[in-house]
Amino acid sequence: MSQMFQIHSQLREMILSLDLTPGERLTERWLEGRFEGSRTPIRAALARLESEDLVRRDGRNWMVAPIDLSELEALAEFREPLETTAVRLGCARATEADLAAIEEMLDACQPGVPREEWHRVGTDFHVEIARLSGNPFLVKAIAGVMTRLSRARWLEVWTEPSREQAWAEHRRILGFIRRNEPEAATREAAEHIRDTRDRLLGSLNEDRRGLRARGFAVIGKR
């Protein structure tokens, strides 16, 4: 793997896991020291992250992209028709082995499991549900949406009640697909997307002061 791809991969993980906070300034000198890399691969990695809307230019330096409430609203509008279509197709195309694998994935998250695992499985659930459709374009689009939601979704797994609510909704969606009930499955998927949007936006709006105190940049409004 080239140095540029290594730096991109590590920086991307640091941003998505909030090790680098939204709005944090990044200087090329700091990045050179942190990754023991030369300026050329670092600039190439930053340009790639910029194309993913994870960093932005800040004068002569860079900054981690803020969390944008308006973007979260737009992503919910975008993902609802995608995921409901994927769920509907999944009812007709999913195999028992596919469904069992997703159920096993959800079962792995139990009390005491680190939040990082809940976060990863929550993302994987939506991508694997999309994969049930057999349509690679839906899978790619939904995977992209879940990446864009990754930082905000840490709030969804922060407390036990919010984790339990999300997982109950995931299990209901999976249950309707298993029983081949496309109308109920698509309705549940749409409600889950809207509920998640409302939870995330509500948490971010209510805790703006606290997030700013922790150095998080939150912009936009619902």
C-alpha atoms as a PDB file:
ATOM      1  CA  MET A   1       0.000   0.000   0.000  1.00  0.00           C
ATOM      2  CA  SER A   2       1.396   3.413  -0.914  1.00  0.00           C
ATOM      3  CA  GLN A   3       2.175   5.976   1.763  1.00  0.00           C
ATOM      4  CA  MET A   4      -0.657   8.195   0.530  1.00  0.00           C
ATOM      5  CA  PHE A   5      -3.225   5.416   0.961  1.00  0.00           C
ATOM      6  CA  GLN A   6      -1.866   4.552   4.417  1.00  0.00           C
ATOM      7  CA  ILE A   7      -2.087   8.166   5.542  1.00  0.00           C
ATOM      8  CA  HIS A   8      -5.566   8.553   4.014  1.00  0.00           C
ATOM      9  CA  SER A   9      -6.809   5.385   5.714  1.00  0.00           C
ATOM     10  CA  GLN A  10      -5.457   6.356   9.140  1.00  0.00           C
ATOM     11  CA  LEU A  11      -6.652   9.958   8.943  1.00  0.00           C
ATOM     12  CA  ARG A  12     -10.077   8.856   7.742  1.00  0.00           C
ATOM     13  CA  GLU A  13     -10.433   6.462  10.679  1.00  0.00           C
ATOM     14  CA  MET A  14      -9.355   9.172  13.122  1.00  0.00           C
ATOM     15  CA  ILE A  15     -11.970  11.549  11.719  1.00  0.00           C
ATOM     16  CA  LEU A  16     -14.822   9.029  11.624  1.00  0.00           C
ATOM     17  CA  SER A  17     -14.099   7.803  15.147  1.00  0.00           C
ATOM     18  CA  LEU A  18     -13.925  11.416  16.426  1.00  0.00           C
ATOM     19  CA  ASP A  19     -10.295  11.070  17.515  1.00  0.00           C
ATOM     20  CA  LEU A  20      -9.987  14.221  15.414  1.00  0.00           C
ATOM     21  CA  THR A  21     -12.934  16.395  16.356  1.00  0.00           C
ATOM     22  CA  PRO A  22     -15.207  18.251  13.911  1.00  0.00           C
ATOM     23  CA  GLY A  23     -13.675  21.655  13.274  1.00  0.00           C
ATOM     24  CA  GLU A  24     -10.189  20.694  14.490  1.00  0.00           C
ATOM     25  CA  ARG A  25      -7.364  22.445  12.633  1.00  0.00           C
ATOM     26  CA  LEU A  26      -4.808  20.334  10.805  1.00  0.00           C
ATOM     27  CA  THR A  27      -1.450  21.695   9.740  1.00  0.00           C
ATOM     28  CA  GLU A  28       0.705  19.951   7.177  1.00  0.00           C
ATOM     29  CA  ARG A  29       3.669  20.195   9.576  1.00  0.00           C
ATOM     30  CA  TRP A  30       1.752  18.379  12.319  1.00  0.00           C
ATOM     31  CA  LEU A  31       0.624  15.727   9.839  1.00  0.00           C
ATOM     32  CA  GLU A  32       4.178  15.247   8.587  1.00  0.00           C
ATOM     33  CA  GLY A  33       5.332  14.582  12.148  1.00  0.00           C
ATOM     34  CA  ARG A  34       2.324  12.432  13.069  1.00  0.00           C
ATOM     35  CA  PHE A  35       2.604  10.134  10.051  1.00  0.00           C
ATOM     36  CA  GLU A  36       6.333  10.485   9.392  1.00  0.00           C
ATOM     37  CA  GLY A  37       5.460  11.319   5.815  1.00  0.00           C
ATOM     38  CA  SER A  38       6.563  13.834   3.260  1.00  0.00           C
ATOM     39  CA  ARG A  39       4.390  16.709   2.133  1.00  0.00           C
ATOM     40  CA  THR A  40       3.395  15.203  -1.244  1.00  0.00           C
ATOM     41  CA  PRO A  41       1.549  12.067   0.029  1.00  0.00           C
ATOM     42  CA  ILE A  42       0.023  14.077   2.870  1.00  0.00           C
ATOM     43  CA  ARG A  43      -1.383  16.633   0.453  1.00  0.00           C
ATOM     44  CA  ALA A  44      -2.694  13.840  -1.776  1.00  0.00           C
ATOM     45  CA  ALA A  45      -4.386  12.167   1.226  1.00  0.00           C
ATOM     46  CA  LEU A  46      -5.942  15.485   2.280  1.00  0.00           C
ATOM     47  CA  ALA A  47      -7.218  16.094  -1.240  1.00  0.00           C
ATOM     48  CA  ARG A  48      -8.881  12.691  -1.212  1.00  0.00           C
ATOM     49  CA  LEU A  49     -10.454  13.374   2.171  1.00  0.00           C
ATOM     50  CA  GLU A  50     -11.643  16.728   0.857  1.00  0.00           C
ATOM     51  CA  SER A  51     -13.414  14.922  -2.005  1.00  0.00           C
ATOM     52  CA  GLU A  52     -15.187  12.833   0.666  1.00  0.00           C
ATOM     53  CA  ASP A  53     -16.197  16.036   2.518  1.00  0.00           C
ATOM     54  CA  LEU A  54     -14.303  14.941   5.610  1.00  0.00           C
ATOM     55  CA  VAL A  55     -11.813  17.834   5.601  1.00  0.00           C
ATOM     56  CA  ARG A  56     -11.934  21.386   4.316  1.00  0.00           C
ATOM     57  CA  ARG A  57      -9.336  23.988   3.461  1.00  0.00           C
ATOM     58  CA  ASP A  58      -8.743  26.574   6.179  1.00  0.00           C
ATOM     59  CA  GLY A  59      -6.587  29.262   4.637  1.00  0.00           C
ATOM     60  CA  ARG A  60      -3.176  27.703   4.105  1.00  0.00           C
ATOM     61  CA  ASN A  61      -4.041  24.795   6.389  1.00  0.00           C
ATOM     62  CA  TRP A  62      -6.896  22.328   6.761  1.00  0.00           C
ATOM     63  CA  MET A  63      -9.669  21.538   9.200  1.00  0.00           C
ATOM     64  CA  VAL A  64     -11.833  18.531   9.953  1.00  0.00           C
ATOM     65  CA  ALA A  65     -15.256  19.177   8.438  1.00  0.00           C
ATOM     66  CA  PRO A  66     -17.866  20.308  11.009  1.00  0.00           C
ATOM     67  CA  ILE A  67     -20.967  18.222  11.636  1.00  0.00           C
ATOM     68  CA  ASP A  68     -23.670  19.859   9.528  1.00  0.00           C
ATOM     69  CA  LEU A  69     -27.266  19.533  10.755  1.00  0.00           C
ATOM     70  CA  SER A  70     -28.616  20.496   7.327  1.00  0.00           C
ATOM     71  CA  GLU A  71     -26.620  17.660   5.786  1.00  0.00           C
ATOM     72  CA  LEU A  72     -28.091  15.158   8.262  1.00  0.00           C
ATOM     73  CA  GLU A  73     -31.572  16.245   7.201  1.00  0.00           C
ATOM     74  CA  ALA A  74     -30.680  15.907   3.517  1.00  0.00           C
ATOM     75  CA  LEU A  75     -29.097  12.481   4.051  1.00  0.00           C
ATOM     76  CA  ALA A  76     -32.283  11.213   5.688  1.00  0.00           C
ATOM     77  CA  GLU A  77     -34.293  12.349   2.658  1.00  0.00           C
ATOM     78  CA  PHE A  78     -31.788  10.671   0.366  1.00  0.00           C
ATOM     79  CA  ARG A  79     -31.513   7.352   2.182  1.00  0.00           C
ATOM     80  CA  GLU A  80     -35.226   6.719   2.798  1.00  0.00           C
ATOM     81  CA  PRO A  81     -36.156   5.801  -0.808  1.00  0.00           C
ATOM     82  CA  LEU A  82     -32.899   3.860  -1.182  1.00  0.00           C
ATOM     83  CA  GLU A  83     -33.321   1.767   1.947  1.00  0.00           C
ATOM     84  CA  THR A  84     -37.024   1.133   1.514  1.00  0.00           C
ATOM     85  CA  THR A  85     -36.337  -0.081  -2.018  1.00  0.00           C
ATOM     86  CA  ALA A  86     -33.535  -2.323  -0.742  1.00  0.00           C
ATOM     87  CA  VAL A  87     -35.785  -3.742   1.985  1.00  0.00           C
ATOM     88  CA  ARG A  88     -38.586  -4.448  -0.479  1.00  0.00           C
ATOM     89  CA  LEU A  89     -36.225  -6.251  -2.847  1.00  0.00           C
ATOM     90  CA  GLY A  90     -34.657  -8.095   0.065  1.00  0.00           C
ATOM     91  CA  CYS A  91     -38.014  -9.599   0.993  1.00  0.00           C
ATOM     92  CA  ALA A  92     -38.075 -11.325  -2.394  1.00  0.00           C
ATOM     93  CA  ARG A  93     -34.377 -12.118  -2.797  1.00  0.00           C
ATOM     94  CA  ALA A  94     -32.843 -12.813   0.627  1.00  0.00           C
ATOM     95  CA  THR A  95     -31.755 -16.345   1.451  1.00  0.00           C
ATOM     96  CA  GLU A  96     -32.071 -17.912   4.878  1.00  0.00           C
ATOM     97  CA  ALA A  97     -28.274 -17.937   5.159  1.00  0.00           C
ATOM     98  CA  ASP A  98     -28.168 -14.181   4.453  1.00  0.00           C
ATOM     99  CA  LEU A  99     -30.764 -13.462   7.122  1.00  0.00           C
ATOM    100  CA  ALA A 100     -29.121 -15.746   9.669  1.00  0.00           C
ATOM    101  CA  ALA A 101     -25.800 -13.949   9.182  1.00  0.00           C
ATOM    102  CA  ILE A 102     -27.399 -10.556   9.863  1.00  0.00           C
ATOM    103  CA  GLU A 103     -29.211 -11.907  12.915  1.00  0.00           C
ATOM    104  CA  GLU A 104     -25.955 -13.326  14.260  1.00  0.00           C
ATOM    105  CA  MET A 105     -24.319  -9.948  13.728  1.00  0.00           C
ATOM    106  CA  LEU A 106     -27.036  -8.219  15.784  1.00  0.00           C
ATOM    107  CA  ASP A 107     -26.836 -10.903  18.490  1.00  0.00           C
ATOM    108  CA  ALA A 108     -23.139 -10.121  18.949  1.00  0.00           C
ATOM    109  CA  CYS A 109     -24.029  -6.774  20.533  1.00  0.00           C
ATOM    110  CA  GLN A 110     -24.865  -7.432  24.156  1.00  0.00           C
ATOM    111  CA  PRO A 111     -24.562  -5.378  27.358  1.00  0.00           C
ATOM    112  CA  GLY A 112     -20.893  -4.855  28.094  1.00  0.00           C
ATOM    113  CA  VAL A 113     -19.817  -4.820  24.453  1.00  0.00           C
ATOM    114  CA  PRO A 114     -17.782  -1.657  23.685  1.00  0.00           C
ATOM    115  CA  ARG A 115     -19.612   1.226  22.031  1.00  0.00           C
ATOM    116  CA  GLU A 116     -17.230   0.948  19.093  1.00  0.00           C
ATOM    117  CA  GLU A 117     -18.676  -2.476  18.281  1.00  0.00           C
ATOM    118  CA  TRP A 118     -22.265  -1.229  18.518  1.00  0.00           C
ATOM    119  CA  HIS A 119     -21.334   1.591  16.162  1.00  0.00           C
ATOM    120  CA  ARG A 120     -19.690  -0.765  13.649  1.00  0.00           C
ATOM    121  CA  VAL A 121     -22.532  -3.287  13.685  1.00  0.00           C
ATOM    122  CA  GLY A 122     -25.137  -0.552  13.365  1.00  0.00           C
ATOM    123  CA  THR A 123     -23.428   0.627  10.195  1.00  0.00           C
ATOM    124  CA  ASP A 124     -22.913  -2.892   8.856  1.00  0.00           C
ATOM    125  CA  PHE A 125     -26.575  -3.745   9.442  1.00  0.00           C
ATOM    126  CA  HIS A 126     -27.767  -1.157   6.936  1.00  0.00           C
ATOM    127  CA  VAL A 127     -25.147  -2.134   4.363  1.00  0.00           C
ATOM    128  CA  GLU A 128     -25.961  -5.847   4.709  1.00  0.00           C
ATOM    129  CA  ILE A 129     -29.693  -5.158   4.419  1.00  0.00           C
ATOM    130  CA  ALA A 130     -28.908  -3.289   1.200  1.00  0.00           C
ATOM    131  CA  ARG A 131     -26.886  -6.285   0.021  1.00  0.00           C
ATOM    132  CA  LEU A 132     -30.004  -8.463   0.344  1.00  0.00           C
ATOM    133  CA  SER A 133     -31.427  -6.517  -2.600  1.00  0.00           C
ATOM    134  CA  GLY A 134     -28.817  -7.984  -4.932  1.00  0.00           C
ATOM    135  CA  ASN A 135     -28.337  -4.493  -6.391  1.00  0.00           C
ATOM    136  CA  PRO A 136     -24.711  -3.268  -6.148  1.00  0.00           C
ATOM    137  CA  PHE A 137     -25.714   0.349  -6.831  1.00  0.00           C
ATOM    138  CA  LEU A 138     -27.973   0.382  -3.779  1.00  0.00           C
ATOM    139  CA  VAL A 139     -25.210  -1.167  -1.678  1.00  0.00           C
ATOM    140  CA  LYS A 140     -22.669   1.453  -2.776  1.00  0.00           C
ATOM    141  CA  ALA A 141     -25.059   4.361  -2.225  1.00  0.00           C
ATOM    142  CA  ILE A 142     -26.167   3.206   1.228  1.00  0.00           C
ATOM    143  CA  ALA A 143     -22.590   2.459   2.299  1.00  0.00           C
ATOM    144  CA  GLY A 144     -21.689   6.026   1.299  1.00  0.00           C
ATOM    145  CA  VAL A 145     -24.578   7.463   3.305  1.00  0.00           C
ATOM    146  CA  MET A 146     -23.609   5.474   6.387  1.00  0.00           C
ATOM    147  CA  THR A 147     -20.044   6.763   6.125  1.00  0.00           C
ATOM    148  CA  ARG A 148     -21.316  10.340   5.998  1.00  0.00           C
ATOM    149  CA  LEU A 149     -23.469   9.648   9.065  1.00  0.00           C
ATOM    150  CA  SER A 150     -20.684   7.912  10.974  1.00  0.00           C
ATOM    151  CA  ARG A 151     -19.606  10.797  13.220  1.00  0.00           C
ATOM    152  CA  ALA A 152     -23.121  11.861  14.163  1.00  0.00           C
ATOM    153  CA  ARG A 153     -24.118   8.237  14.806  1.00  0.00           C
ATOM    154  CA  TRP A 154     -21.705   8.007  17.716  1.00  0.00           C
ATOM    155  CA  LEU A 155     -24.466   9.815  19.613  1.00  0.00           C
ATOM    156  CA  GLU A 156     -26.844   6.954  18.777  1.00  0.00           C
ATOM    157  CA  VAL A 157     -24.662   4.434  20.597  1.00  0.00           C
ATOM    158  CA  TRP A 158     -23.609   6.747  23.436  1.00  0.00           C
ATOM    159  CA  THR A 159     -26.329   5.699  25.899  1.00  0.00           C
ATOM    160  CA  GLU A 160     -27.862   2.308  26.583  1.00  0.00           C
ATOM    161  CA  PRO A 161     -31.495   3.399  25.925  1.00  0.00           C
ATOM    162  CA  SER A 162     -30.634   4.807  22.489  1.00  0.00           C
ATOM    163  CA  ARG A 163     -28.701   1.644  21.592  1.00  0.00           C
ATOM    164  CA  GLU A 164     -31.601  -0.542  22.668  1.00  0.00           C
ATOM    165  CA  GLN A 165     -34.100   1.505  20.680  1.00  0.00           C
ATOM    166  CA  ALA A 166     -32.021   1.334  17.502  1.00  0.00           C
ATOM    167  CA  TRP A 167     -31.471  -2.412  17.886  1.00  0.00           C
ATOM    168  CA  ALA A 168     -35.176  -3.068  18.492  1.00  0.00           C
ATOM    169  CA  GLU A 169     -35.938  -1.226  15.252  1.00  0.00           C
ATOM    170  CA  HIS A 170     -33.248  -3.203  13.408  1.00  0.00           C
ATOM    171  CA  ARG A 171     -34.720  -6.480  14.626  1.00  0.00           C
ATOM    172  CA  ARG A 172     -38.227  -5.523  13.559  1.00  0.00           C
ATOM    173  CA  ILE A 173     -36.991  -4.689  10.053  1.00  0.00           C
ATOM    174  CA  LEU A 174     -35.169  -8.022   9.848  1.00  0.00           C
ATOM    175  CA  GLY A 175     -38.207  -9.887  11.166  1.00  0.00           C
ATOM    176  CA  PHE A 176     -40.499  -8.445   8.503  1.00  0.00           C
ATOM    177  CA  ILE A 177     -38.002  -9.352   5.783  1.00  0.00           C
ATOM    178  CA  ARG A 178     -37.719 -12.905   7.150  1.00  0.00           C
ATOM    179  CA  ARG A 179     -41.522 -13.246   7.087  1.00  0.00           C
ATOM    180  CA  ASN A 180     -41.610 -11.776   3.547  1.00  0.00           C
ATOM    181  CA  GLU A 181     -43.836  -8.849   4.526  1.00  0.00           C
ATOM    182  CA  PRO A 182     -42.588  -6.104   2.181  1.00  0.00           C
ATOM    183  CA  GLU A 183     -45.164  -3.467   3.117  1.00  0.00           C
ATOM    184  CA  ALA A 184     -44.486  -3.793   6.822  1.00  0.00           C
ATOM    185  CA  ALA A 185     -40.721  -3.992   6.242  1.00  0.00           C
ATOM    186  CA  THR A 186     -40.596  -0.827   4.146  1.00  0.00           C
ATOM    187  CA  ARG A 187     -42.823   1.024   6.619  1.00  0.00           C
ATOM    188  CA  GLU A 188     -40.569  -0.011   9.508  1.00  0.00           C
ATOM    189  CA  ALA A 189     -37.423   0.969   7.593  1.00  0.00           C
ATOM    190  CA  ALA A 190     -38.837   4.411   6.771  1.00  0.00           C
ATOM    191  CA  GLU A 191     -39.876   4.988  10.389  1.00  0.00           C
ATOM    192  CA  HIS A 192     -36.441   3.896  11.600  1.00  0.00           C
ATOM    193  CA  ILE A 193     -34.705   6.375   9.293  1.00  0.00           C
ATOM    194  CA  ARG A 194     -36.971   9.218  10.438  1.00  0.00           C
ATOM    195  CA  ASP A 195     -36.602   8.269  14.113  1.00  0.00           C
ATOM    196  CA  THR A 196     -32.823   8.131  13.763  1.00  0.00           C
ATOM    197  CA  ARG A 197     -32.821  11.536  12.065  1.00  0.00           C
ATOM    198  CA  ASP A 198     -34.921  13.033  14.833  1.00  0.00           C
ATOM    199  CA  ARG A 199     -32.772  11.486  17.588  1.00  0.00           C
ATOM    200  CA  LEU A 200     -29.525  12.696  16.043  1.00  0.00           C
ATOM    201  CA  LEU A 201     -30.737  16.187  15.246  1.00  0.00           C
ATOM    202  CA  GLY A 202     -32.410  16.500  18.637  1.00  0.00           C
ATOM    203  CA  SER A 203     -29.267  15.425  20.487  1.00  0.00           C
ATOM    204  CA  LEU A 204     -27.015  17.705  18.459  1.00  0.00           C
ATOM    205  CA  ASN A 205     -29.327  20.697  18.824  1.00  0.00           C
ATOM    206  CA  GLU A 206     -29.832  20.218  22.555  1.00  0.00           C
ATOM    207  CA  ASP A 207     -26.176  19.644  23.344  1.00  0.00           C
ATOM    208  CA  ARG A 208     -24.561  22.263  21.106  1.00  0.00           C
ATOM    209  CA  ARG A 209     -23.022  24.072  24.064  1.00  0.00           C
ATOM    210  CA  GLY A 210     -21.608  20.866  25.518  1.00  0.00           C
ATOM    211  CA  LEU A 211     -20.283  19.742  22.160  1.00  0.00           C
ATOM    212  CA  ARG A 212     -18.613  23.103  21.609  1.00  0.00           C
ATOM    213  CA  ALA A 213     -17.018  22.811  25.040  1.00  0.00           C
ATOM    214  CA  ARG A 214     -15.503  19.527  23.867  1.00  0.00           C
ATOM    215  CA  GLY A 215     -14.221  21.261  20.738  1.00  0.00           C
ATOM    216  CA  PHE A 216     -16.871  19.970  18.317  1.00  0.00           C
ATOM    217  CA  ALA A 217     -17.957  22.285  15.494  1.00  0.00           C
ATOM    218  CA  VAL A 218     -21.675  21.888  14.719  1.00  0.00           C
ATOM    219  CA  ILE A 219     -23.160  24.074  11.986  1.00  0.00           C
ATOM    220  CA  GLY A 220     -26.509  24.473  10.240  1.00  0.00           C
ATOM    221  CA  LYS A 221     -29.951  24.156  11.684  1.00  0.00           C
ATOM    222  CA  ARG A 222     -32.999  22.049  11.166  1.00  0.00           C
END
